[in-house]
C-alpha atoms as a PDB file:
ATOM      1  CA  MET A   1       0.000   0.000   0.000  1.00  0.00           C
ATOM      2  CA  ARG A   2       1.242   3.465  -0.750  1.00  0.00           C
ATOM      3  CA  LEU A   3       0.034   6.627   0.935  1.00  0.00           C
ATOM      4  CA  ILE A   4       1.282   9.994  -0.252  1.00  0.00           C
ATOM      5  CA  TYR A   5       0.566  13.312   1.378  1.00  0.00           C
ATOM      6  CA  TYR A   6       2.105  16.725   1.383  1.00  0.00           C
ATOM      7  CA  THR A   7       2.139  18.922   4.412  1.00  0.00           C
ATOM      8  CA  SER A   8       3.751  22.126   5.440  1.00  0.00           C
ATOM      9  CA  PHE A   9       6.731  21.075   7.444  1.00  0.00           C
ATOM     10  CA  LEU A  10       7.064  22.702  10.828  1.00  0.00           C
ATOM     11  CA  LEU A  11      10.398  22.990  12.464  1.00  0.00           C
ATOM     12  CA  ILE A  12       9.915  23.681  16.130  1.00  0.00           C
ATOM     13  CA  PHE A  13      11.842  23.708  19.343  1.00  0.00           C
ATOM     14  CA  SER A  14      14.954  25.307  17.882  1.00  0.00           C
ATOM     15  CA  ILE A  15      17.650  24.462  20.366  1.00  0.00           C
ATOM     16  CA  GLN A  16      20.949  26.256  20.558  1.00  0.00           C
ATOM     17  CA  PHE A  17      23.977  24.118  21.358  1.00  0.00           C
ATOM     18  CA  ILE A  18      24.653  24.172  25.068  1.00  0.00           C
ATOM     19  CA  SER A  19      28.178  25.508  25.418  1.00  0.00           C
ATOM     20  CA  CYS A  20      29.928  28.394  27.068  1.00  0.00           C
ATOM     21  CA  ASN A  21      30.125  30.585  23.980  1.00  0.00           C
ATOM     22  CA  THR A  22      31.212  28.589  20.964  1.00  0.00           C
ATOM     23  CA  ASP A  23      32.175  25.049  20.130  1.00  0.00           C
ATOM     24  CA  SER A  24      35.106  23.811  22.189  1.00  0.00           C
ATOM     25  CA  PRO A  25      38.104  23.466  19.854  1.00  0.00           C
ATOM     26  CA  VAL A  26      40.634  20.753  20.486  1.00  0.00           C
ATOM     27  CA  ASP A  27      44.251  21.776  21.032  1.00  0.00           C
ATOM     28  CA  PRO A  28      45.676  23.138  17.777  1.00  0.00           C
ATOM     29  CA  ASP A  29      48.109  21.216  15.628  1.00  0.00           C
ATOM     30  CA  THR A  30      51.636  21.588  16.927  1.00  0.00           C
ATOM     31  CA  ASP A  31      53.597  19.149  14.789  1.00  0.00           C
ATOM     32  CA  GLY A  32      51.973  19.371  11.363  1.00  0.00           C
ATOM     33  CA  SER A  33      50.676  15.799  11.451  1.00  0.00           C
ATOM     34  CA  ASN A  34      47.090  16.545  12.458  1.00  0.00           C
ATOM     35  CA  TYR A  35      44.889  16.600   9.383  1.00  0.00           C
ATOM     36  CA  TYR A  36      41.593  17.542  11.056  1.00  0.00           C
ATOM     37  CA  ASN A  37      40.250  20.318  13.218  1.00  0.00           C
ATOM     38  CA  TRP A  38      38.049  18.801  15.941  1.00  0.00           C
ATOM     39  CA  THR A  39      35.339  20.455  18.002  1.00  0.00           C
ATOM     40  CA  VAL A  40      33.340  19.001  20.900  1.00  0.00           C
ATOM     41  CA  THR A  41      29.967  20.480  21.818  1.00  0.00           C
ATOM     42  CA  PRO A  42      27.583  19.333  24.574  1.00  0.00           C
ATOM     43  CA  VAL A  43      24.021  19.181  23.219  1.00  0.00           C
ATOM     44  CA  SER A  44      20.535  18.554  24.556  1.00  0.00           C
ATOM     45  CA  MET A  45      18.557  15.953  22.609  1.00  0.00           C
ATOM     46  CA  ASP A  46      16.567  12.758  23.067  1.00  0.00           C
ATOM     47  CA  SER A  47      17.928   9.301  22.253  1.00  0.00           C
ATOM     48  CA  VAL A  48      19.212   9.179  18.662  1.00  0.00           C
ATOM     49  CA  TYR A  49      20.104   6.227  16.424  1.00  0.00           C
ATOM     50  CA  ARG A  50      21.639   7.695  13.297  1.00  0.00           C
ATOM     51  CA  ILE A  51      23.438  10.826  12.141  1.00  0.00           C
ATOM     52  CA  SER A  52      23.912  11.558   8.442  1.00  0.00           C
ATOM     53  CA  ALA A  53      26.222  14.305   7.215  1.00  0.00           C
ATOM     54  CA  ALA A  54      25.081  16.561   4.379  1.00  0.00           C
ATOM     55  CA  ASN A  55      28.145  18.817   4.286  1.00  0.00           C
ATOM     56  CA  ASP A  56      30.615  20.495   6.630  1.00  0.00           C
ATOM     57  CA  ASP A  57      27.857  22.572   8.230  1.00  0.00           C
ATOM     58  CA  VAL A  58      24.644  20.517   8.043  1.00  0.00           C
ATOM     59  CA  ALA A  59      23.718  17.072   9.370  1.00  0.00           C
ATOM     60  CA  PHE A  60      20.437  15.255   9.982  1.00  0.00           C
ATOM     61  CA  ILE A  61      19.750  13.104  13.049  1.00  0.00           C
ATOM     62  CA  GLY A  62      17.122  10.374  13.458  1.00  0.00           C
ATOM     63  CA  GLY A  63      15.887   8.860  16.715  1.00  0.00           C
ATOM     64  CA  ASN A  64      13.189   9.142  19.357  1.00  0.00           C
ATOM     65  CA  SER A  65      13.251  12.766  18.312  1.00  0.00           C
ATOM     66  CA  SER A  66      14.822  13.889  15.039  1.00  0.00           C
ATOM     67  CA  TYR A  67      16.853  16.988  14.297  1.00  0.00           C
ATOM     68  CA  LYS A  68      18.575  19.075  11.678  1.00  0.00           C
ATOM     69  CA  ILE A  69      21.917  20.575  12.647  1.00  0.00           C
ATOM     70  CA  SER A  70      22.927  23.784  10.877  1.00  0.00           C
ATOM     71  CA  GLY A  71      26.098  25.367  12.125  1.00  0.00           C
ATOM     72  CA  SER A  72      25.675  25.926  15.858  1.00  0.00           C
ATOM     73  CA  THR A  73      21.912  25.361  15.937  1.00  0.00           C
ATOM     74  CA  VAL A  74      20.013  22.113  16.489  1.00  0.00           C
ATOM     75  CA  THR A  75      16.411  22.266  15.269  1.00  0.00           C
ATOM     76  CA  ARG A  76      13.965  19.590  16.300  1.00  0.00           C
ATOM     77  CA  ILE A  77      11.799  18.160  13.513  1.00  0.00           C
ATOM     78  CA  ASP A  78       8.067  17.687  13.983  1.00  0.00           C
ATOM     79  CA  PHE A  79       6.840  14.917  11.661  1.00  0.00           C
ATOM     80  CA  GLN A  80       3.195  15.678  12.567  1.00  0.00           C
ATOM     81  CA  ASP A  81       2.641  11.926  12.733  1.00  0.00           C
ATOM     82  CA  THR A  82       2.225  10.430  16.203  1.00  0.00           C
ATOM     83  CA  ALA A  83       2.354   6.862  14.849  1.00  0.00           C
ATOM     84  CA  PHE A  84       5.759   7.341  13.212  1.00  0.00           C
ATOM     85  CA  LYS A  85       8.815   5.978  15.046  1.00  0.00           C
ATOM     86  CA  CYS A  86      11.962   7.153  13.266  1.00  0.00           C
ATOM     87  CA  GLY A  87      14.587   4.466  12.827  1.00  0.00           C
ATOM     88  CA  GLY A  88      17.099   6.207  10.575  1.00  0.00           C
ATOM     89  CA  VAL A  89      17.942   9.013   8.179  1.00  0.00           C
ATOM     90  CA  GLU A  90      20.105   9.529   5.110  1.00  0.00           C
ATOM     91  CA  ALA A  91      21.038  13.015   3.883  1.00  0.00           C
ATOM     92  CA  PHE A  92      21.171  13.725   0.157  1.00  0.00           C
ATOM     93  CA  ASP A  93      22.317  17.341   0.498  1.00  0.00           C
ATOM     94  CA  LYS A  94      21.903  20.241   2.920  1.00  0.00           C
ATOM     95  CA  ASN A  95      18.256  20.685   1.932  1.00  0.00           C
ATOM     96  CA  SER A  96      17.127  17.091   1.382  1.00  0.00           C
ATOM     97  CA  ALA A  97      17.064  13.921   3.464  1.00  0.00           C
ATOM     98  CA  VAL A  98      15.113  10.684   3.756  1.00  0.00           C
ATOM     99  CA  PHE A  99      13.852   9.582   7.167  1.00  0.00           C
ATOM    100  CA  TRP A 100      12.392   6.117   7.684  1.00  0.00           C
ATOM    101  CA  GLY A 101      10.731   4.226  10.470  1.00  0.00           C
ATOM    102  CA  GLY A 102       7.908   1.994  11.608  1.00  0.00           C
ATOM    103  CA  THR A 103       4.456   2.858  12.848  1.00  0.00           C
ATOM    104  CA  SER A 104       2.419   1.849  15.852  1.00  0.00           C
ATOM    105  CA  ALA A 105      -0.404   0.708  13.569  1.00  0.00           C
ATOM    106  CA  THR A 106       1.198  -2.559  12.470  1.00  0.00           C
ATOM    107  CA  THR A 107       4.564  -4.265  12.787  1.00  0.00           C
ATOM    108  CA  SER A 108       4.844  -4.765   9.012  1.00  0.00           C
ATOM    109  CA  GLU A 109       4.135  -1.156   8.024  1.00  0.00           C
ATOM    110  CA  PHE A 110       6.858   1.448   7.639  1.00  0.00           C
ATOM    111  CA  LYS A 111       7.219   4.903   6.127  1.00  0.00           C
ATOM    112  CA  PHE A 112       9.722   6.907   4.147  1.00  0.00           C
ATOM    113  CA  LYS A 113       9.478  10.608   4.941  1.00  0.00           C
ATOM    114  CA  LEU A 114      11.223  12.702   2.319  1.00  0.00           C
ATOM    115  CA  TYR A 115      12.344  16.055   3.660  1.00  0.00           C
ATOM    116  CA  ASP A 116      12.913  18.781   1.071  1.00  0.00           C
ATOM    117  CA  THR A 117      13.581  22.375   2.089  1.00  0.00           C
ATOM    118  CA  GLY A 118      11.006  22.386   4.870  1.00  0.00           C
ATOM    119  CA  ALA A 119       8.350  20.135   3.323  1.00  0.00           C
ATOM    120  CA  LEU A 120       7.508  16.466   3.824  1.00  0.00           C
ATOM    121  CA  THR A 121       6.301  13.809   1.429  1.00  0.00           C
ATOM    122  CA  THR A 122       5.356  10.506   3.077  1.00  0.00           C
ATOM    123  CA  TYR A 123       5.210   7.073   1.475  1.00  0.00           C
ATOM    124  CA  THR A 124       3.889   4.020   3.315  1.00  0.00           C
ATOM    125  CA  PHE A 125       4.878   0.436   2.507  1.00  0.00           C
ATOM    126  CA  SER A 126       4.668  -3.009   4.077  1.00  0.00           C
ATOM    127  CA  ASN A 127       7.267  -5.720   4.696  1.00  0.00           C
ATOM    128  CA  ALA A 128      10.212  -3.816   3.197  1.00  0.00           C
ATOM    129  CA  TYR A 129      11.867  -2.146   6.190  1.00  0.00           C
ATOM    130  CA  PRO A 130      15.470  -1.035   5.483  1.00  0.00           C
ATOM    131  CA  TYR A 131      18.134  -3.317   6.905  1.00  0.00           C
ATOM    132  CA  THR A 132      20.980  -1.339   5.299  1.00  0.00           C
ATOM    133  CA  LYS A 133      21.692   2.339   4.855  1.00  0.00           C
ATOM    134  CA  LEU A 134      20.282   4.004   1.749  1.00  0.00           C
ATOM    135  CA  THR A 135      22.556   4.489  -1.266  1.00  0.00           C
ATOM    136  CA  PHE A 136      21.506   7.419  -3.444  1.00  0.00           C
ATOM    137  CA  ILE A 137      21.491   7.330  -7.223  1.00  0.00           C
ATOM    138  CA  SER A 138      19.979  10.805  -7.418  1.00  0.00           C
ATOM    139  CA  LYS A 139      17.585  12.901  -5.380  1.00  0.00           C
ATOM    140  CA  ASN A 140      14.636  10.765  -4.177  1.00  0.00           C
ATOM    141  CA  LYS A 141      16.080   7.717  -5.922  1.00  0.00           C
ATOM    142  CA  PHE A 142      18.079   5.155  -3.952  1.00  0.00           C
ATOM    143  CA  TYR A 143      18.915   1.521  -3.311  1.00  0.00           C
ATOM    144  CA  TYR A 144      18.539  -0.323  -0.039  1.00  0.00           C
ATOM    145  CA  ALA A 145      17.999  -3.857   1.216  1.00  0.00           C
ATOM    146  CA  SER A 146      15.706  -5.456   3.747  1.00  0.00           C
ATOM    147  CA  TYR A 147      16.704  -8.686   5.427  1.00  0.00           C
ATOM    148  CA  ASP A 148      16.061 -10.792   2.309  1.00  0.00           C
ATOM    149  CA  ASN A 149      15.211  -8.375  -0.518  1.00  0.00           C
ATOM    150  CA  PHE A 150      16.933  -5.739  -2.641  1.00  0.00           C
ATOM    151  CA  TYR A 151      14.966  -2.567  -3.444  1.00  0.00           C
ATOM    152  CA  LEU A 152      15.012   0.434  -5.734  1.00  0.00           C
ATOM    153  CA  PHE A 153      13.015   3.436  -4.521  1.00  0.00           C
ATOM    154  CA  ASP A 154      12.339   5.877  -7.362  1.00  0.00           C
ATOM    155  CA  ASN A 155      10.308   8.966  -6.442  1.00  0.00           C
ATOM    156  CA  GLY A 156       7.671   6.987  -4.575  1.00  0.00           C
ATOM    157  CA  THR A 157       7.727   3.756  -6.567  1.00  0.00           C
ATOM    158  CA  LEU A 158       9.299   0.782  -4.796  1.00  0.00           C
ATOM    159  CA  THR A 159      10.612  -2.135  -6.879  1.00  0.00           C
ATOM    160  CA  GLY A 160      11.874  -5.205  -5.054  1.00  0.00           C
ATOM    161  CA  SER A 161      13.777  -8.362  -5.929  1.00  0.00           C
ATOM    162  CA  ALA A 162      14.463 -11.312  -3.645  1.00  0.00           C
ATOM    163  CA  LEU A 163      18.064 -11.913  -2.630  1.00  0.00           C
ATOM    164  CA  PRO A 164      19.461 -15.360  -3.466  1.00  0.00           C
ATOM    165  CA  PRO A 165      18.561 -18.043  -0.910  1.00  0.00           C
ATOM    166  CA  SER A 166      20.599 -18.122   2.318  1.00  0.00           C
ATOM    167  CA  GLU A 167      22.021 -14.626   1.723  1.00  0.00           C
ATOM    168  CA  SER A 168      21.615 -11.550   3.890  1.00  0.00           C
ATOM    169  CA  PRO A 169      22.824  -8.028   3.068  1.00  0.00           C
ATOM    170  CA  ILE A 170      25.998  -6.483   4.459  1.00  0.00           C
ATOM    171  CA  GLY A 171      25.736  -3.116   2.708  1.00  0.00           C
ATOM    172  CA  PHE A 172      26.176  -1.060  -0.449  1.00  0.00           C
ATOM    173  CA  GLY A 173      29.387   0.494  -1.708  1.00  0.00           C
ATOM    174  CA  LYS A 174      30.726   2.402  -4.697  1.00  0.00           C
ATOM    175  CA  ALA A 175      34.011   1.786  -6.500  1.00  0.00           C
ATOM    176  CA  GLY A 176      35.284   2.502  -9.998  1.00  0.00           C
ATOM    177  CA  GLY A 177      32.040   4.196 -10.999  1.00  0.00           C
ATOM    178  CA  SER A 178      29.866   1.173 -10.131  1.00  0.00           C
ATOM    179  CA  THR A 179      27.611   0.391  -7.179  1.00  0.00           C
ATOM    180  CA  TYR A 180      27.868  -2.965  -5.391  1.00  0.00           C
ATOM    181  CA  LEU A 181      25.773  -4.885  -2.914  1.00  0.00           C
ATOM    182  CA  PHE A 182      27.703  -7.112  -0.515  1.00  0.00           C
ATOM    183  CA  THR A 183      25.980 -10.083   1.087  1.00  0.00           C
ATOM    184  CA  SER A 184      26.788 -12.857   3.515  1.00  0.00           C
ATOM    185  CA  PHE A 185      26.011 -16.397   2.341  1.00  0.00           C
ATOM    186  CA  ASN A 186      25.400 -18.956   5.077  1.00  0.00           C
ATOM    187  CA  SER A 187      24.672 -22.613   4.472  1.00  0.00           C
ATOM    188  CA  SER A 188      25.109 -25.753   6.516  1.00  0.00           C
ATOM    189  CA  SER A 189      28.355 -26.577   4.706  1.00  0.00           C
ATOM    190  CA  PHE A 190      30.174 -23.289   3.992  1.00  0.00           C
ATOM    191  CA  TYR A 191      30.103 -19.500   4.248  1.00  0.00           C
ATOM    192  CA  GLN A 192      30.964 -16.770   1.749  1.00  0.00           C
ATOM    193  CA  ASP A 193      31.042 -13.013   1.414  1.00  0.00           C
ATOM    194  CA  ARG A 194      29.607 -12.152  -1.989  1.00  0.00           C
ATOM    195  CA  ALA A 195      29.627  -9.000  -4.092  1.00  0.00           C
ATOM    196  CA  TYR A 196      27.075  -8.079  -6.743  1.00  0.00           C
ATOM    197  CA  ARG A 197      27.451  -5.255  -9.221  1.00  0.00           C
ATOM    198  CA  ILE A 198      24.142  -3.457  -9.661  1.00  0.00           C
ATOM    199  CA  VAL A 199      23.082  -2.966 -13.272  1.00  0.00           C
ATOM    200  CA  GLY A 200      19.780  -1.122 -13.371  1.00  0.00           C
ATOM    201  CA  ASN A 201      17.706  -3.177 -10.983  1.00  0.00           C
ATOM    202  CA  THR A 202      19.636  -6.416 -11.550  1.00  0.00           C
ATOM    203  CA  LEU A 203      22.326  -8.010  -9.383  1.00  0.00           C
ATOM    204  CA  LEU A 204      25.369  -9.418 -11.229  1.00  0.00           C
ATOM    205  CA  LEU A 205      27.562 -11.693  -9.089  1.00  0.00           C
ATOM    206  CA  VAL A 206      31.222 -10.638  -9.393  1.00  0.00           C
ATOM    207  CA  SER A 207      32.920 -12.067  -6.293  1.00  0.00           C
ATOM    208  CA  SER A 208      32.558 -14.962  -3.837  1.00  0.00           C
ATOM    209  CA  VAL A 209      35.210 -15.341  -1.143  1.00  0.00           C
ATOM    210  CA  ALA A 210      35.560 -16.895   2.280  1.00  0.00           C
ATOM    211  CA  PRO A 211      34.498 -14.459   5.013  1.00  0.00           C
ATOM    212  CA  GLN A 212      37.373 -12.346   6.217  1.00  0.00           C
ATOM    213  CA  GLY A 213      37.500  -9.180   8.274  1.00  0.00           C
ATOM    214  CA  ARG A 214      34.974  -6.388   8.163  1.00  0.00           C
ATOM    215  CA  ILE A 215      33.881  -4.441   5.078  1.00  0.00           C
ATOM    216  CA  HIS A 216      33.799  -0.634   5.245  1.00  0.00           C
ATOM    217  CA  PHE A 217      32.300   1.685   2.650  1.00  0.00           C
ATOM    218  CA  LEU A 218      34.094   4.915   1.794  1.00  0.00           C
ATOM    219  CA  ASN A 219      32.337   7.317  -0.560  1.00  0.00           C
ATOM    220  CA  ASN A 220      34.113   5.975  -3.649  1.00  0.00           C
ATOM    221  CA  ASP A 221      36.029   2.929  -2.447  1.00  0.00           C
ATOM    222  CA  ILE A 222      35.350  -0.270  -0.538  1.00  0.00           C
ATOM    223  CA  VAL A 223      37.875  -1.347   2.092  1.00  0.00           C
ATOM    224  CA  ARG A 224      38.115  -4.577   4.066  1.00  0.00           C
ATOM    225  CA  VAL A 225      39.907  -4.525   7.415  1.00  0.00           C
ATOM    226  CA  THR A 226      41.159  -7.843   8.814  1.00  0.00           C
ATOM    227  CA  GLN A 227      42.656  -7.841  12.305  1.00  0.00           C
ATOM    228  CA  ASP A 228      43.941 -10.185  14.964  1.00  0.00           C
ATOM    229  CA  SER A 229      45.696  -9.255  18.188  1.00  0.00           C
ATOM    230  CA  THR A 230      48.791  -7.883  16.405  1.00  0.00           C
ATOM    231  CA  ASN A 231      48.236  -7.776  12.622  1.00  0.00           C
ATOM    232  CA  HIS A 232      46.095  -5.291  10.710  1.00  0.00           C
ATOM    233  CA  LEU A 233      45.483  -5.801   6.972  1.00  0.00           C
ATOM    234  CA  LEU A 234      43.668  -3.385   4.672  1.00  0.00           C
ATOM    235  CA  ASP A 235      42.408  -4.517   1.254  1.00  0.00           C
ATOM    236  CA  TYR A 236      40.411  -2.665  -1.379  1.00  0.00           C
ATOM    237  CA  PHE A 237      37.824  -4.112  -3.754  1.00  0.00           C
ATOM    238  CA  ASN A 238      38.677  -3.661  -7.447  1.00  0.00           C
ATOM    239  CA  GLY A 239      35.368  -4.887  -8.847  1.00  0.00           C
ATOM    240  CA  SER A 240      36.140  -8.587  -8.683  1.00  0.00           C
ATOM    241  CA  ASP A 241      38.938  -9.226  -6.157  1.00  0.00           C
ATOM    242  CA  TRP A 242      40.323  -7.939  -2.877  1.00  0.00           C
ATOM    243  CA  ILE A 243      43.782  -6.343  -3.199  1.00  0.00           C
ATOM    244  CA  ASN A 244      45.989  -5.624  -0.197  1.00  0.00           C
ATOM    245  CA  PHE A 245      47.255  -2.044  -0.082  1.00  0.00           C
ATOM    246  CA  PHE A 246      48.441  -1.566   3.502  1.00  0.00           C
ATOM    247  CA  SER A 247      49.336  -3.576   6.595  1.00  0.00           C
ATOM    248  CA  PHE A 248      50.948  -2.940   9.956  1.00  0.00           C
ATOM    249  CA  THR A 249      51.570  -4.621  13.285  1.00  0.00           C
ATOM    250  CA  THR A 250      51.086  -3.487  16.866  1.00  0.00           C
ATOM    251  CA  PRO A 251      51.792  -4.920  20.315  1.00  0.00           C
ATOM    252  CA  ALA A 252      49.224  -7.559  21.224  1.00  0.00           C
ATOM    253  CA  ASN A 253      45.684  -6.384  21.972  1.00  0.00           C
ATOM    254  CA  THR A 254      46.486  -2.673  21.868  1.00  0.00           C
ATOM    255  CA  TYR A 255      44.909  -1.483  18.608  1.00  0.00           C
ATOM    256  CA  TYR A 256      41.510  -2.198  17.043  1.00  0.00           C
ATOM    257  CA  ILE A 257      40.175  -0.266  14.025  1.00  0.00           C
ATOM    258  CA  GLN A 258      36.442   0.334  14.407  1.00  0.00           C
ATOM    259  CA  TYR A 259      35.303   3.047  11.950  1.00  0.00           C
ATOM    260  CA  LEU A 260      36.542   4.250   8.546  1.00  0.00           C
ATOM    261  CA  ALA A 261      35.555   7.496   6.834  1.00  0.00           C
ATOM    262  CA  GLY A 262      36.735   9.207   3.671  1.00  0.00           C
ATOM    263  CA  ASP A 263      36.266   9.667  -0.052  1.00  0.00           C
ATOM    264  CA  THR A 264      38.817   7.175  -1.424  1.00  0.00           C
ATOM    265  CA  ARG A 265      41.473   4.758  -0.216  1.00  0.00           C
ATOM    266  CA  ASN A 266      44.182   7.274  -1.126  1.00  0.00           C
ATOM    267  CA  GLN A 267      43.421   9.204   2.054  1.00  0.00           C
ATOM    268  CA  PHE A 268      40.926   8.420   4.779  1.00  0.00           C
ATOM    269  CA  LEU A 269      40.329   8.623   8.493  1.00  0.00           C
ATOM    270  CA  TRP A 270      39.885   5.768  10.908  1.00  0.00           C
ATOM    271  CA  ILE A 271      38.874   5.639  14.560  1.00  0.00           C
ATOM    272  CA  TRP A 272      40.597   2.976  16.645  1.00  0.00           C
ATOM    273  CA  PHE A 273      40.433   1.774  20.246  1.00  0.00           C
ATOM    274  CA  ASP A 274      43.166   0.631  22.613  1.00  0.00           C
ATOM    275  CA  TYR A 275      43.077  -2.177  25.199  1.00  0.00           C
ATOM    276  CA  ASN A 276      41.284   0.181  27.621  1.00  0.00           C
ATOM    277  CA  ALA A 277      38.627   0.882  24.939  1.00  0.00           C
ATOM    278  CA  LYS A 278      39.746   4.490  24.618  1.00  0.00           C
ATOM    279  CA  ALA A 279      39.208   6.075  21.196  1.00  0.00           C
ATOM    280  CA  TYR A 280      41.901   7.581  18.960  1.00  0.00           C
ATOM    281  CA  ALA A 281      42.162   8.625  15.312  1.00  0.00           C
ATOM    282  CA  SER A 282      44.592   7.953  12.478  1.00  0.00           C
ATOM    283  CA  VAL A 283      44.777   9.159   8.906  1.00  0.00           C
ATOM    284  CA  PHE A 284      45.988   6.936   6.086  1.00  0.00           C
ATOM    285  CA  SER A 285      47.756   9.055   3.488  1.00  0.00           C
ATOM    286  CA  VAL A 286      50.638   8.503   1.054  1.00  0.00           C
ATOM    287  CA  ASN A 287      50.818   4.838   2.076  1.00  0.00           C
ATOM    288  CA  ALA A 288      51.400   5.708   5.723  1.00  0.00           C
ATOM    289  CA  LYS A 289      49.460   5.619   8.992  1.00  0.00           C
ATOM    290  CA  ILE A 290      49.566   9.019  10.684  1.00  0.00           C
ATOM    291  CA  GLU A 291      48.319   9.199  14.270  1.00  0.00           C
ATOM    292  CA  GLN A 292      46.200  12.267  15.043  1.00  0.00           C
ATOM    293  CA  THR A 293      47.395  13.701  18.333  1.00  0.00           C
ATOM    294  CA  ASN A 294      44.594  16.274  18.598  1.00  0.00           C
ATOM    295  CA  PHE A 295      41.685  13.789  18.499  1.00  0.00           C
ATOM    296  CA  PRO A 296      39.369  14.410  21.509  1.00  0.00           C
ATOM    297  CA  THR A 297      39.745  11.015  23.188  1.00  0.00           C
ATOM    298  CA  SER A 298      38.121  12.221  26.407  1.00  0.00           C
ATOM    299  CA  ALA A 299      34.877  13.039  24.564  1.00  0.00           C
ATOM    300  CA  ILE A 300      34.278   9.395  23.609  1.00  0.00           C
ATOM    301  CA  THR A 301      32.804   7.239  26.368  1.00  0.00           C
ATOM    302  CA  VAL A 302      34.976   4.246  27.237  1.00  0.00           C
ATOM    303  CA  SER A 303      33.684   0.665  26.855  1.00  0.00           C
ATOM    304  CA  ILE A 304      30.070   1.485  25.911  1.00  0.00           C
ATOM    305  CA  PRO A 305      29.741   1.313  22.094  1.00  0.00           C
ATOM    306  CA  ALA A 306      25.934   1.446  22.329  1.00  0.00           C
ATOM    307  CA  VAL A 307      26.062   5.124  23.300  1.00  0.00           C
ATOM    308  CA  ARG A 308      27.949   6.054  20.135  1.00  0.00           C
ATOM    309  CA  THR A 309      26.749   6.774  16.595  1.00  0.00           C
ATOM    310  CA  VAL A 310      28.898   7.932  13.677  1.00  0.00           C
ATOM    311  CA  SER A 311      28.089   9.619  10.389  1.00  0.00           C
ATOM    312  CA  ASN A 312      29.045   9.122   6.795  1.00  0.00           C
ATOM    313  CA  TYR A 313      31.820  11.315   5.373  1.00  0.00           C
ATOM    314  CA  ALA A 314      30.652  14.442   3.549  1.00  0.00           C
ATOM    315  CA  ASP A 315      32.433  17.581   2.407  1.00  0.00           C
ATOM    316  CA  ASN A 316      35.642  16.440   4.167  1.00  0.00           C
ATOM    317  CA  THR A 317      33.731  16.285   7.452  1.00  0.00           C
ATOM    318  CA  TYR A 318      32.927  13.509   9.926  1.00  0.00           C
ATOM    319  CA  TYR A 319      30.550  13.552  12.886  1.00  0.00           C
ATOM    320  CA  ILE A 320      30.340  11.441  16.038  1.00  0.00           C
ATOM    321  CA  ILE A 321      27.583  11.627  18.643  1.00  0.00           C
ATOM    322  CA  ASP A 322      28.416  10.271  22.086  1.00  0.00           C
ATOM    323  CA  LYS A 323      25.158   9.872  23.986  1.00  0.00           C
ATOM    324  CA  TYR A 324      26.575   9.310  27.462  1.00  0.00           C
ATOM    325  CA  HIS A 325      25.943  12.036  30.053  1.00  0.00           C
ATOM    326  CA  PRO A 326      26.072  14.642  28.725  1.00  0.00           C
ATOM    327  CA  THR A 327      25.421  14.001  25.038  1.00  0.00           C
ATOM    328  CA  LYS A 328      28.329  15.365  23.000  1.00  0.00           C
ATOM    329  CA  PHE A 329      28.579  16.287  19.340  1.00  0.00           C
ATOM    330  CA  VAL A 330      32.082  15.678  17.954  1.00  0.00           C
ATOM    331  CA  LYS A 331      32.965  17.128  14.555  1.00  0.00           C
ATOM    332  CA  GLY A 332      36.132  16.656  12.522  1.00  0.00           C
ATOM    333  CA  LYS A 333      36.797  18.901   9.529  1.00  0.00           C
ATOM    334  CA  LEU A 334      39.738  18.329   7.186  1.00  0.00           C
ATOM    335  CA  LYS A 335      42.090  21.310   7.222  1.00  0.00           C
END
């Protein structure tokens, strides 16, 4: 079933960031190795599940309450829909984003709410709730996957195709001008990580390999990170195979890469944790790992990953929300 309605979109409860005067800058670069300027800002907001960056000044947040961040202002979004429970958001640009979530009416029903410069368009569907993030083709046109189906949403029309048996989605990534869907194949006899190149609305199998490491999606590259207690291997996907491009070793159980963010494998940021579960940042650039000494480690709560949500990478900017008391908004902007 599809339900479409247009409504004037009210933005209420504009909330200024709670800080002394301005965002709290992290200590400036003193050795030339710090690639990012970091700011940490305490904020007041309800429980949130997802932050999506639009650019270096605007981000959208989805959760029990949803928000748009513009500069130093957080504006709460009123969906004018008491049944809607926001589960996520994906920004297309500073003016457009797609929110999605379930309803209290039925467990199978969910809604896409398309935000566009202060207006909402709502579409209601059944049994197709997003399991992955959305991957935009153009404005109001995107791919996503539920637990066992692959979908194309095109300006209100939803076209679905079943995933192959025994496969579940990992996520979507872009590399070499193509878009790929990665899945996990599980049978009683063996397991595989599979990659499909998307051609129109068709999945073309291009890779089947034994599961290894964790797959991360940069804006225009796909990177796999494989780690044990001392070894850290980084491979990129070339459209059919995984190719190693960097590796390093550390003392046992002292370094674990958790998040990657960037445009391409030539230069990107990663967040890593030590044996005390404290967070740090490194930049990979010119085939080297460069530790970022100005990363605000103290702003990231130790040992409680559930209180943390991270954004995509947009306009050379990366956002982290730490929801432990008080909620903090961490922003890194490439210099």
